[in-house]
All heavy atoms as atom14 arrays in JSON, in Angstrom:
{
  "sequence": "DALLDSPGIAPLIAAHPRSLVVRAVRETVDAARANGGNAPADGWDAA",
  "atom14_mask": [
    [1, 1, 1, 1, 1, 1, 1, 1, 0, 0, 0, 0, 0, 0],
    [1, 1, 1, 1, 1, 0, 0, 0, 0, 0, 0, 0, 0, 0],
    [1, 1, 1, 1, 1, 1, 1, 1, 0, 0, 0, 0, 0, 0],
    [1, 1, 1, 1, 1, 1, 1, 1, 0, 0, 0, 0, 0, 0],
    [1, 1, 1, 1, 1, 1, 1, 1, 0, 0, 0, 0, 0, 0],
    [1, 1, 1, 1, 1, 1, 0, 0, 0, 0, 0, 0, 0, 0],
    [1, 1, 1, 1, 1, 1, 1, 0, 0, 0, 0, 0, 0, 0],
    [1, 1, 1, 1, 0, 0, 0, 0, 0, 0, 0, 0, 0, 0],
    [1, 1, 1, 1, 1, 1, 1, 1, 0, 0, 0, 0, 0, 0],
    [1, 1, 1, 1, 1, 0, 0, 0, 0, 0, 0, 0, 0, 0],
    [1, 1, 1, 1, 1, 1, 1, 0, 0, 0, 0, 0, 0, 0],
    [1, 1, 1, 1, 1, 1, 1, 1, 0, 0, 0, 0, 0, 0],
    [1, 1, 1, 1, 1, 1, 1, 1, 0, 0, 0, 0, 0, 0],
    [1, 1, 1, 1, 1, 0, 0, 0, 0, 0, 0, 0, 0, 0],
    [1, 1, 1, 1, 1, 0, 0, 0, 0, 0, 0, 0, 0, 0],
    [1, 1, 1, 1, 1, 1, 1, 1, 1, 1, 0, 0, 0, 0],
    [1, 1, 1, 1, 1, 1, 1, 0, 0, 0, 0, 0, 0, 0],
    [1, 1, 1, 1, 1, 1, 1, 1, 1, 1, 1, 0, 0, 0],
    [1, 1, 1, 1, 1, 1, 0, 0, 0, 0, 0, 0, 0, 0],
    [1, 1, 1, 1, 1, 1, 1, 1, 0, 0, 0, 0, 0, 0],
    [1, 1, 1, 1, 1, 1, 1, 0, 0, 0, 0, 0, 0, 0],
    [1, 1, 1, 1, 1, 1, 1, 0, 0, 0, 0, 0, 0, 0],
    [1, 1, 1, 1, 1, 1, 1, 1, 1, 1, 1, 0, 0, 0],
    [1, 1, 1, 1, 1, 0, 0, 0, 0, 0, 0, 0, 0, 0],
    [1, 1, 1, 1, 1, 1, 1, 0, 0, 0, 0, 0, 0, 0],
    [1, 1, 1, 1, 1, 1, 1, 1, 1, 1, 1, 0, 0, 0],
    [1, 1, 1, 1, 1, 1, 1, 1, 1, 0, 0, 0, 0, 0],
    [1, 1, 1, 1, 1, 1, 1, 0, 0, 0, 0, 0, 0, 0],
    [1, 1, 1, 1, 1, 1, 1, 0, 0, 0, 0, 0, 0, 0],
    [1, 1, 1, 1, 1, 1, 1, 1, 0, 0, 0, 0, 0, 0],
    [1, 1, 1, 1, 1, 0, 0, 0, 0, 0, 0, 0, 0, 0],
    [1, 1, 1, 1, 1, 0, 0, 0, 0, 0, 0, 0, 0, 0],
    [1, 1, 1, 1, 1, 1, 1, 1, 1, 1, 1, 0, 0, 0],
    [1, 1, 1, 1, 1, 0, 0, 0, 0, 0, 0, 0, 0, 0],
    [1, 1, 1, 1, 1, 1, 1, 1, 0, 0, 0, 0, 0, 0],
    [1, 1, 1, 1, 0, 0, 0, 0, 0, 0, 0, 0, 0, 0],
    [1, 1, 1, 1, 0, 0, 0, 0, 0, 0, 0, 0, 0, 0],
    [1, 1, 1, 1, 1, 1, 1, 1, 0, 0, 0, 0, 0, 0],
    [1, 1, 1, 1, 1, 0, 0, 0, 0, 0, 0, 0, 0, 0],
    [1, 1, 1, 1, 1, 1, 1, 0, 0, 0, 0, 0, 0, 0],
    [1, 1, 1, 1, 1, 0, 0, 0, 0, 0, 0, 0, 0, 0],
    [1, 1, 1, 1, 1, 1, 1, 1, 0, 0, 0, 0, 0, 0],
    [1, 1, 1, 1, 0, 0, 0, 0, 0, 0, 0, 0, 0, 0],
    [1, 1, 1, 1, 1, 1, 1, 1, 1, 1, 1, 1, 1, 1],
    [1, 1, 1, 1, 1, 1, 1, 1, 0, 0, 0, 0, 0, 0],
    [1, 1, 1, 1, 1, 0, 0, 0, 0, 0, 0, 0, 0, 0],
    [1, 1, 1, 1, 1, 0, 0, 0, 0, 0, 0, 0, 0, 0]
  ],
  "atom14_positions": [
    [[-66.26, 93.12, 42.64], [-65.41, 94.06, 41.88], [-66.17, 95.31, 41.47], [-65.61, 96.42, 41.48], [-64.83, 93.37, 40.66], [-63.73, 92.36, 41.01], [-63.21, 92.45, 42.13], [-63.42, 91.5, 40.16], [0.0, 0.0, 0.0], [0.0, 0.0, 0.0], [0.0, 0.0, 0.0], [0.0, 0.0, 0.0], [0.0, 0.0, 0.0], [0.0, 0.0, 0.0]],
    [[-67.44, 95.12, 41.12], [-68.25, 96.27, 40.71], [-68.44, 97.24, 41.87], [-68.34, 98.47, 41.7], [-69.6, 95.8, 40.18], [0.0, 0.0, 0.0], [0.0, 0.0, 0.0], [0.0, 0.0, 0.0], [0.0, 0.0, 0.0], [0.0, 0.0, 0.0], [0.0, 0.0, 0.0], [0.0, 0.0, 0.0], [0.0, 0.0, 0.0], [0.0, 0.0, 0.0]],
    [[-68.67, 96.72, 43.05], [-68.82, 97.59, 44.21], [-67.51, 98.29, 44.56], [-67.5, 99.48, 44.92], [-69.32, 96.79, 45.41], [-70.81, 96.42, 45.42], [-71.13, 95.53, 46.61], [-71.67, 97.68, 45.47], [0.0, 0.0, 0.0], [0.0, 0.0, 0.0], [0.0, 0.0, 0.0], [0.0, 0.0, 0.0], [0.0, 0.0, 0.0], [0.0, 0.0, 0.0]],
    [[-66.41, 97.56, 44.45], [-65.11, 98.17, 44.74], [-64.78, 99.33, 43.82], [-64.09, 100.27, 44.21], [-64.01, 97.11, 44.67], [-63.99, 96.05, 45.77], [-63.0, 94.94, 45.45], [-63.63, 96.69, 47.12], [0.0, 0.0, 0.0], [0.0, 0.0, 0.0], [0.0, 0.0, 0.0], [0.0, 0.0, 0.0], [0.0, 0.0, 0.0], [0.0, 0.0, 0.0]],
    [[-65.28, 99.27, 42.6], [-65.0, 100.32, 41.63], [-66.01, 101.46, 41.69], [-65.86, 102.46, 40.98], [-64.99, 99.74, 40.21], [-63.79, 98.83, 39.98], [-62.78, 99.0, 40.7], [-63.87, 97.95, 39.09], [0.0, 0.0, 0.0], [0.0, 0.0, 0.0], [0.0, 0.0, 0.0], [0.0, 0.0, 0.0], [0.0, 0.0, 0.0], [0.0, 0.0, 0.0]],
    [[-67.06, 101.3, 42.5], [-68.11, 102.33, 42.55], [-67.59, 103.6, 43.23], [-66.71, 103.53, 44.11], [-69.34, 101.81, 43.28], [-69.03, 101.56, 44.64], [0.0, 0.0, 0.0], [0.0, 0.0, 0.0], [0.0, 0.0, 0.0], [0.0, 0.0, 0.0], [0.0, 0.0, 0.0], [0.0, 0.0, 0.0], [0.0, 0.0, 0.0], [0.0, 0.0, 0.0]],
    [[-68.1, 104.77, 42.86], [-67.61, 106.04, 43.42], [-67.74, 106.13, 44.93], [-66.92, 106.77, 45.6], [-68.5, 107.09, 42.73], [-68.96, 106.43, 41.48], [-69.12, 104.97, 41.81], [0.0, 0.0, 0.0], [0.0, 0.0, 0.0], [0.0, 0.0, 0.0], [0.0, 0.0, 0.0], [0.0, 0.0, 0.0], [0.0, 0.0, 0.0], [0.0, 0.0, 0.0]],
    [[-68.76, 105.49, 45.5], [-68.96, 105.58, 46.95], [-68.0, 104.72, 47.76], [-67.77, 104.99, 48.94], [0.0, 0.0, 0.0], [0.0, 0.0, 0.0], [0.0, 0.0, 0.0], [0.0, 0.0, 0.0], [0.0, 0.0, 0.0], [0.0, 0.0, 0.0], [0.0, 0.0, 0.0], [0.0, 0.0, 0.0], [0.0, 0.0, 0.0], [0.0, 0.0, 0.0]],
    [[-67.44, 103.69, 47.13], [-66.57, 102.76, 47.85], [-65.09, 103.09, 47.65], [-64.26, 102.87, 48.54], [-66.84, 101.31, 47.38], [-68.32, 100.96, 47.57], [-65.96, 100.32, 48.15], [-68.81, 101.05, 48.99], [0.0, 0.0, 0.0], [0.0, 0.0, 0.0], [0.0, 0.0, 0.0], [0.0, 0.0, 0.0], [0.0, 0.0, 0.0], [0.0, 0.0, 0.0]],
    [[-64.76, 103.65, 46.5], [-63.36, 103.93, 46.19], [-62.65, 104.75, 47.27], [-61.48, 104.46, 47.6], [-63.26, 104.64, 44.84], [0.0, 0.0, 0.0], [0.0, 0.0, 0.0], [0.0, 0.0, 0.0], [0.0, 0.0, 0.0], [0.0, 0.0, 0.0], [0.0, 0.0, 0.0], [0.0, 0.0, 0.0], [0.0, 0.0, 0.0], [0.0, 0.0, 0.0]],
    [[-63.28, 105.77, 47.87], [-62.58, 106.52, 48.92], [-62.19, 105.67, 50.12], [-61.21, 105.96, 50.81], [-63.6, 107.6, 49.32], [-64.48, 107.75, 48.12], [-64.58, 106.39, 47.53], [0.0, 0.0, 0.0], [0.0, 0.0, 0.0], [0.0, 0.0, 0.0], [0.0, 0.0, 0.0], [0.0, 0.0, 0.0], [0.0, 0.0, 0.0], [0.0, 0.0, 0.0]],
    [[-62.96, 104.6, 50.38], [-62.63, 103.73, 51.51], [-61.29, 103.03, 51.29], [-60.54, 102.79, 52.22], [-63.73, 102.69, 51.72], [-65.08, 103.23, 52.19], [-66.11, 102.1, 52.22], [-64.96, 103.86, 53.58], [0.0, 0.0, 0.0], [0.0, 0.0, 0.0], [0.0, 0.0, 0.0], [0.0, 0.0, 0.0], [0.0, 0.0, 0.0], [0.0, 0.0, 0.0]],
    [[-61.01, 102.7, 50.02], [-59.76, 102.01, 49.71], [-58.56, 102.94, 49.92], [-57.47, 102.5, 50.28], [-59.8, 101.49, 48.26], [-60.91, 100.44, 48.11], [-58.46, 100.88, 47.84], [-61.1, 99.93, 46.72], [0.0, 0.0, 0.0], [0.0, 0.0, 0.0], [0.0, 0.0, 0.0], [0.0, 0.0, 0.0], [0.0, 0.0, 0.0], [0.0, 0.0, 0.0]],
    [[-58.78, 104.23, 49.75], [-57.7, 105.18, 49.99], [-57.42, 105.36, 51.48], [-56.3, 105.69, 51.87], [-58.06, 106.54, 49.37], [0.0, 0.0, 0.0], [0.0, 0.0, 0.0], [0.0, 0.0, 0.0], [0.0, 0.0, 0.0], [0.0, 0.0, 0.0], [0.0, 0.0, 0.0], [0.0, 0.0, 0.0], [0.0, 0.0, 0.0], [0.0, 0.0, 0.0]],
    [[-58.44, 105.1, 52.32], [-58.29, 105.33, 53.75], [-57.98, 104.06, 54.54], [-57.55, 104.14, 55.7], [-59.56, 105.97, 54.3], [0.0, 0.0, 0.0], [0.0, 0.0, 0.0], [0.0, 0.0, 0.0], [0.0, 0.0, 0.0], [0.0, 0.0, 0.0], [0.0, 0.0, 0.0], [0.0, 0.0, 0.0], [0.0, 0.0, 0.0], [0.0, 0.0, 0.0]],
    [[-58.2, 102.89, 53.92], [-58.02, 101.63, 54.63], [-57.28, 100.63, 53.74], [-57.24, 100.79, 52.52], [-59.38, 101.03, 55.02], [-60.21, 101.9, 55.92], [-60.03, 101.93, 57.28], [-61.21, 102.79, 55.64], [-60.89, 102.79, 57.82], [-61.62, 103.32, 56.84], [0.0, 0.0, 0.0], [0.0, 0.0, 0.0], [0.0, 0.0, 0.0], [0.0, 0.0, 0.0]],
    [[-56.69, 99.61, 54.34], [-56.07, 98.57, 53.52], [-57.11, 97.95, 52.57], [-58.25, 97.71, 52.95], [-55.6, 97.54, 54.55], [-55.44, 98.32, 55.82], [-56.51, 99.37, 55.78], [0.0, 0.0, 0.0], [0.0, 0.0, 0.0], [0.0, 0.0, 0.0], [0.0, 0.0, 0.0], [0.0, 0.0, 0.0], [0.0, 0.0, 0.0], [0.0, 0.0, 0.0]],
    [[-56.7, 97.7, 51.32], [-57.63, 97.17, 50.33], [-58.22, 95.85, 50.78], [-59.42, 95.6, 50.56], [-56.89, 96.98, 48.99], [-57.8, 96.43, 47.89], [-57.08, 96.24, 46.58], [-57.96, 95.63, 45.57], [-58.83, 96.28, 44.84], [-58.94, 97.6, 44.96], [-59.59, 95.64, 43.96], [0.0, 0.0, 0.0], [0.0, 0.0, 0.0], [0.0, 0.0, 0.0]],
    [[-57.42, 95.01, 51.44], [-57.93, 93.7, 51.87], [-59.08, 93.85, 52.85], [-60.03, 93.05, 52.84], [-56.8, 92.89, 52.51], [-56.28, 93.55, 53.64], [0.0, 0.0, 0.0], [0.0, 0.0, 0.0], [0.0, 0.0, 0.0], [0.0, 0.0, 0.0], [0.0, 0.0, 0.0], [0.0, 0.0, 0.0], [0.0, 0.0, 0.0], [0.0, 0.0, 0.0]],
    [[-59.02, 94.88, 53.7], [-60.1, 95.09, 54.66], [-61.38, 95.51, 53.96], [-62.48, 95.04, 54.28], [-59.67, 96.14, 55.69], [-60.64, 96.4, 56.85], [-59.85, 96.73, 58.12], [-61.6, 97.56, 56.55], [0.0, 0.0, 0.0], [0.0, 0.0, 0.0], [0.0, 0.0, 0.0], [0.0, 0.0, 0.0], [0.0, 0.0, 0.0], [0.0, 0.0, 0.0]],
    [[-61.25, 96.42, 52.96], [-62.44, 96.88, 52.23], [-63.05, 95.74, 51.43], [-64.27, 95.58, 51.36], [-62.08, 98.07, 51.32], [-63.32, 98.54, 50.56], [-61.49, 99.21, 52.13], [0.0, 0.0, 0.0], [0.0, 0.0, 0.0], [0.0, 0.0, 0.0], [0.0, 0.0, 0.0], [0.0, 0.0, 0.0], [0.0, 0.0, 0.0], [0.0, 0.0, 0.0]],
    [[-62.19, 94.89, 50.82], [-62.69, 93.74, 50.08], [-63.49, 92.82, 51.0], [-64.58, 92.35, 50.65], [-61.52, 92.96, 49.43], [-62.01, 91.63, 48.87], [-60.87, 93.8, 48.33], [0.0, 0.0, 0.0], [0.0, 0.0, 0.0], [0.0, 0.0, 0.0], [0.0, 0.0, 0.0], [0.0, 0.0, 0.0], [0.0, 0.0, 0.0], [0.0, 0.0, 0.0]],
    [[-62.97, 92.58, 52.18], [-63.7, 91.74, 53.13], [-65.03, 92.36, 53.51], [-66.05, 91.66, 53.6], [-62.84, 91.52, 54.38], [-63.5, 90.66, 55.43], [-62.63, 90.5, 56.66], [-63.38, 89.88, 57.75], [-62.92, 89.77, 58.99], [-61.7, 90.22, 59.3], [-63.66, 89.21, 59.93], [0.0, 0.0, 0.0], [0.0, 0.0, 0.0], [0.0, 0.0, 0.0]],
    [[-65.03, 93.67, 53.73], [-66.27, 94.36, 54.1], [-67.31, 94.25, 52.98], [-68.5, 94.03, 53.24], [-65.98, 95.82, 54.42], [0.0, 0.0, 0.0], [0.0, 0.0, 0.0], [0.0, 0.0, 0.0], [0.0, 0.0, 0.0], [0.0, 0.0, 0.0], [0.0, 0.0, 0.0], [0.0, 0.0, 0.0], [0.0, 0.0, 0.0], [0.0, 0.0, 0.0]],
    [[-66.87, 94.42, 51.74], [-67.79, 94.31, 50.6], [-68.36, 92.9, 50.51], [-69.56, 92.7, 50.32], [-67.08, 94.71, 49.29], [-67.94, 94.34, 48.08], [-66.76, 96.21, 49.29], [0.0, 0.0, 0.0], [0.0, 0.0, 0.0], [0.0, 0.0, 0.0], [0.0, 0.0, 0.0], [0.0, 0.0, 0.0], [0.0, 0.0, 0.0], [0.0, 0.0, 0.0]],
    [[-67.51, 91.91, 50.63], [-67.97, 90.53, 50.55], [-68.97, 90.2, 51.66], [-69.98, 89.54, 51.43], [-66.77, 89.58, 50.6], [-65.99, 89.53, 49.3], [-64.77, 88.64, 49.42], [-64.09, 88.5, 48.12], [-62.83, 88.13, 47.98], [-62.09, 87.86, 49.07], [-62.3, 88.02, 46.77], [0.0, 0.0, 0.0], [0.0, 0.0, 0.0], [0.0, 0.0, 0.0]],
    [[-68.68, 90.66, 52.87], [-69.61, 90.4, 53.97], [-70.95, 91.09, 53.74], [-72.0, 90.54, 54.07], [-68.99, 90.87, 55.29], [-67.86, 89.98, 55.78], [-67.42, 90.33, 57.18], [-68.0, 91.28, 57.77], [-66.51, 89.66, 57.71], [0.0, 0.0, 0.0], [0.0, 0.0, 0.0], [0.0, 0.0, 0.0], [0.0, 0.0, 0.0], [0.0, 0.0, 0.0]],
    [[-70.91, 92.3, 53.16], [-72.15, 93.01, 52.89], [-72.98, 92.3, 51.82], [-74.2, 92.16, 51.95], [-71.84, 94.46, 52.43], [-71.02, 95.1, 53.41], [-73.11, 95.26, 52.24], [0.0, 0.0, 0.0], [0.0, 0.0, 0.0], [0.0, 0.0, 0.0], [0.0, 0.0, 0.0], [0.0, 0.0, 0.0], [0.0, 0.0, 0.0], [0.0, 0.0, 0.0]],
    [[-72.32, 91.83, 50.77], [-73.03, 91.08, 49.73], [-73.57, 89.77, 50.29], [-74.71, 89.37, 50.01], [-72.1, 90.83, 48.53], [-72.77, 89.9, 47.51], [-71.7, 92.15, 47.87], [0.0, 0.0, 0.0], [0.0, 0.0, 0.0], [0.0, 0.0, 0.0], [0.0, 0.0, 0.0], [0.0, 0.0, 0.0], [0.0, 0.0, 0.0], [0.0, 0.0, 0.0]],
    [[-72.77, 89.09, 51.09], [-73.22, 87.83, 51.69], [-74.43, 88.05, 52.6], [-75.35, 87.23, 52.63], [-72.08, 87.19, 52.49], [-70.98, 86.62, 51.61], [-71.24, 86.45, 50.4], [-69.88, 86.36, 52.13], [0.0, 0.0, 0.0], [0.0, 0.0, 0.0], [0.0, 0.0, 0.0], [0.0, 0.0, 0.0], [0.0, 0.0, 0.0], [0.0, 0.0, 0.0]],
    [[-74.44, 89.16, 53.32], [-75.58, 89.47, 54.2], [-76.83, 89.71, 53.37], [-77.93, 89.27, 53.74], [-75.26, 90.67, 55.06], [0.0, 0.0, 0.0], [0.0, 0.0, 0.0], [0.0, 0.0, 0.0], [0.0, 0.0, 0.0], [0.0, 0.0, 0.0], [0.0, 0.0, 0.0], [0.0, 0.0, 0.0], [0.0, 0.0, 0.0], [0.0, 0.0, 0.0]],
    [[-76.67, 90.41, 52.25], [-77.83, 90.65, 51.38], [-78.33, 89.34, 50.78], [-79.55, 89.11, 50.66], [-77.45, 91.63, 50.27], [0.0, 0.0, 0.0], [0.0, 0.0, 0.0], [0.0, 0.0, 0.0], [0.0, 0.0, 0.0], [0.0, 0.0, 0.0], [0.0, 0.0, 0.0], [0.0, 0.0, 0.0], [0.0, 0.0, 0.0], [0.0, 0.0, 0.0]],
    [[-77.4, 88.45, 50.41], [-77.79, 87.15, 49.87], [-78.57, 86.35, 50.9], [-79.59, 85.71, 50.6], [-76.55, 86.39, 49.4], [-76.88, 85.04, 48.75], [-75.63, 84.34, 48.23], [-75.05, 85.07, 47.09], [-73.94, 85.77, 47.14], [-73.24, 85.84, 48.28], [-73.48, 86.4, 46.06], [0.0, 0.0, 0.0], [0.0, 0.0, 0.0], [0.0, 0.0, 0.0]],
    [[-78.11, 86.38, 52.15], [-78.81, 85.66, 53.22], [-80.17, 86.27, 53.5], [-81.06, 85.61, 54.04], [-77.95, 85.68, 54.49], [0.0, 0.0, 0.0], [0.0, 0.0, 0.0], [0.0, 0.0, 0.0], [0.0, 0.0, 0.0], [0.0, 0.0, 0.0], [0.0, 0.0, 0.0], [0.0, 0.0, 0.0], [0.0, 0.0, 0.0], [0.0, 0.0, 0.0]],
    [[-80.34, 87.53, 53.13], [-81.61, 88.23, 53.33], [-82.53, 88.11, 52.12], [-83.39, 88.95, 51.88], [-81.34, 89.71, 53.65], [-82.56, 90.43, 54.16], [-83.4, 89.85, 54.84], [-82.66, 91.72, 53.82], [0.0, 0.0, 0.0], [0.0, 0.0, 0.0], [0.0, 0.0, 0.0], [0.0, 0.0, 0.0], [0.0, 0.0, 0.0], [0.0, 0.0, 0.0]],
    [[-82.31, 87.07, 51.33], [-83.18, 86.82, 50.18], [-82.84, 87.64, 48.95], [-83.62, 87.7, 48.01], [0.0, 0.0, 0.0], [0.0, 0.0, 0.0], [0.0, 0.0, 0.0], [0.0, 0.0, 0.0], [0.0, 0.0, 0.0], [0.0, 0.0, 0.0], [0.0, 0.0, 0.0], [0.0, 0.0, 0.0], [0.0, 0.0, 0.0], [0.0, 0.0, 0.0]],
    [[-81.65, 88.28, 48.94], [-81.24, 89.06, 47.79], [-81.65, 90.52, 47.87], [-81.46, 91.27, 46.92], [0.0, 0.0, 0.0], [0.0, 0.0, 0.0], [0.0, 0.0, 0.0], [0.0, 0.0, 0.0], [0.0, 0.0, 0.0], [0.0, 0.0, 0.0], [0.0, 0.0, 0.0], [0.0, 0.0, 0.0], [0.0, 0.0, 0.0], [0.0, 0.0, 0.0]],
    [[-82.2, 90.93, 49.03], [-82.62, 92.32, 49.18], [-81.42, 93.22, 49.47], [-80.59, 92.91, 50.33], [-83.63, 92.45, 50.32], [-84.92, 91.71, 50.03], [-85.47, 91.82, 48.93], [-85.39, 90.94, 51.0], [0.0, 0.0, 0.0], [0.0, 0.0, 0.0], [0.0, 0.0, 0.0], [0.0, 0.0, 0.0], [0.0, 0.0, 0.0], [0.0, 0.0, 0.0]],
    [[-81.35, 94.32, 48.76], [-80.26, 95.27, 48.98], [-80.41, 95.93, 50.34], [-81.51, 96.0, 50.89], [-80.26, 96.34, 47.88], [0.0, 0.0, 0.0], [0.0, 0.0, 0.0], [0.0, 0.0, 0.0], [0.0, 0.0, 0.0], [0.0, 0.0, 0.0], [0.0, 0.0, 0.0], [0.0, 0.0, 0.0], [0.0, 0.0, 0.0], [0.0, 0.0, 0.0]],
    [[-79.3, 96.41, 50.94], [-79.4, 97.1, 52.22], [-80.37, 98.27, 52.15], [-80.44, 98.98, 51.13], [-77.96, 97.6, 52.46], [-77.1, 96.68, 51.65], [-77.91, 96.32, 50.44], [0.0, 0.0, 0.0], [0.0, 0.0, 0.0], [0.0, 0.0, 0.0], [0.0, 0.0, 0.0], [0.0, 0.0, 0.0], [0.0, 0.0, 0.0], [0.0, 0.0, 0.0]],
    [[-81.13, 98.47, 53.21], [-82.18, 99.49, 53.2], [-81.63, 100.89, 52.95], [-82.29, 101.7, 52.28], [-82.93, 99.45, 54.53], [0.0, 0.0, 0.0], [0.0, 0.0, 0.0], [0.0, 0.0, 0.0], [0.0, 0.0, 0.0], [0.0, 0.0, 0.0], [0.0, 0.0, 0.0], [0.0, 0.0, 0.0], [0.0, 0.0, 0.0], [0.0, 0.0, 0.0]],
    [[-80.43, 101.17, 53.44], [-79.86, 102.51, 53.26], [-78.82, 102.55, 52.15], [-78.03, 103.5, 52.06], [-79.26, 103.02, 54.57], [-78.26, 102.04, 55.19], [-78.17, 100.91, 54.67], [-77.62, 102.41, 56.18], [0.0, 0.0, 0.0], [0.0, 0.0, 0.0], [0.0, 0.0, 0.0], [0.0, 0.0, 0.0], [0.0, 0.0, 0.0], [0.0, 0.0, 0.0]],
    [[-78.78, 101.54, 51.31], [-77.89, 101.55, 50.16], [-76.59, 100.81, 50.41], [-76.18, 100.58, 51.54], [0.0, 0.0, 0.0], [0.0, 0.0, 0.0], [0.0, 0.0, 0.0], [0.0, 0.0, 0.0], [0.0, 0.0, 0.0], [0.0, 0.0, 0.0], [0.0, 0.0, 0.0], [0.0, 0.0, 0.0], [0.0, 0.0, 0.0], [0.0, 0.0, 0.0]],
    [[-75.94, 100.42, 49.3], [-74.71, 99.64, 49.38], [-73.56, 100.42, 50.0], [-72.79, 99.91, 50.8], [-74.31, 99.16, 47.98], [-75.23, 98.1, 47.46], [-76.22, 98.25, 46.53], [-75.26, 96.72, 47.85], [-76.87, 97.07, 46.31], [-76.29, 96.11, 47.1], [-74.54, 95.95, 48.74], [-76.61, 94.76, 47.23], [-74.84, 94.61, 48.88], [-75.86, 94.03, 48.13]],
    [[-73.44, 101.71, 49.62], [-72.31, 102.49, 50.13], [-72.35, 102.59, 51.65], [-71.34, 102.38, 52.34], [-72.34, 103.9, 49.53], [-72.04, 103.9, 48.04], [-71.67, 102.83, 47.52], [-72.17, 104.97, 47.41], [0.0, 0.0, 0.0], [0.0, 0.0, 0.0], [0.0, 0.0, 0.0], [0.0, 0.0, 0.0], [0.0, 0.0, 0.0], [0.0, 0.0, 0.0]],
    [[-73.51, 102.91, 52.22], [-73.63, 103.06, 53.68], [-73.38, 101.73, 54.38], [-72.72, 101.68, 55.43], [-75.01, 103.6, 54.04], [0.0, 0.0, 0.0], [0.0, 0.0, 0.0], [0.0, 0.0, 0.0], [0.0, 0.0, 0.0], [0.0, 0.0, 0.0], [0.0, 0.0, 0.0], [0.0, 0.0, 0.0], [0.0, 0.0, 0.0], [0.0, 0.0, 0.0]],
    [[-73.9, 100.65, 53.8], [-73.73, 99.33, 54.42], [-72.26, 98.91, 54.43], [-71.76, 98.37, 55.41], [-74.57, 98.3, 53.68], [0.0, 0.0, 0.0], [0.0, 0.0, 0.0], [0.0, 0.0, 0.0], [0.0, 0.0, 0.0], [0.0, 0.0, 0.0], [0.0, 0.0, 0.0], [0.0, 0.0, 0.0], [0.0, 0.0, 0.0], [0.0, 0.0, 0.0]]
  ]
}
């Protein structure tokens, strides 16, 4: 929810179905979790 409300992610919700963006955020967080908790190298918004 925090990522969905962030300024970098909000525009994506305007351009795509919310369910798709939610799935993308969850997959990104899950990938970071599988990587030992390390954030994406180029930042959450880009990922």
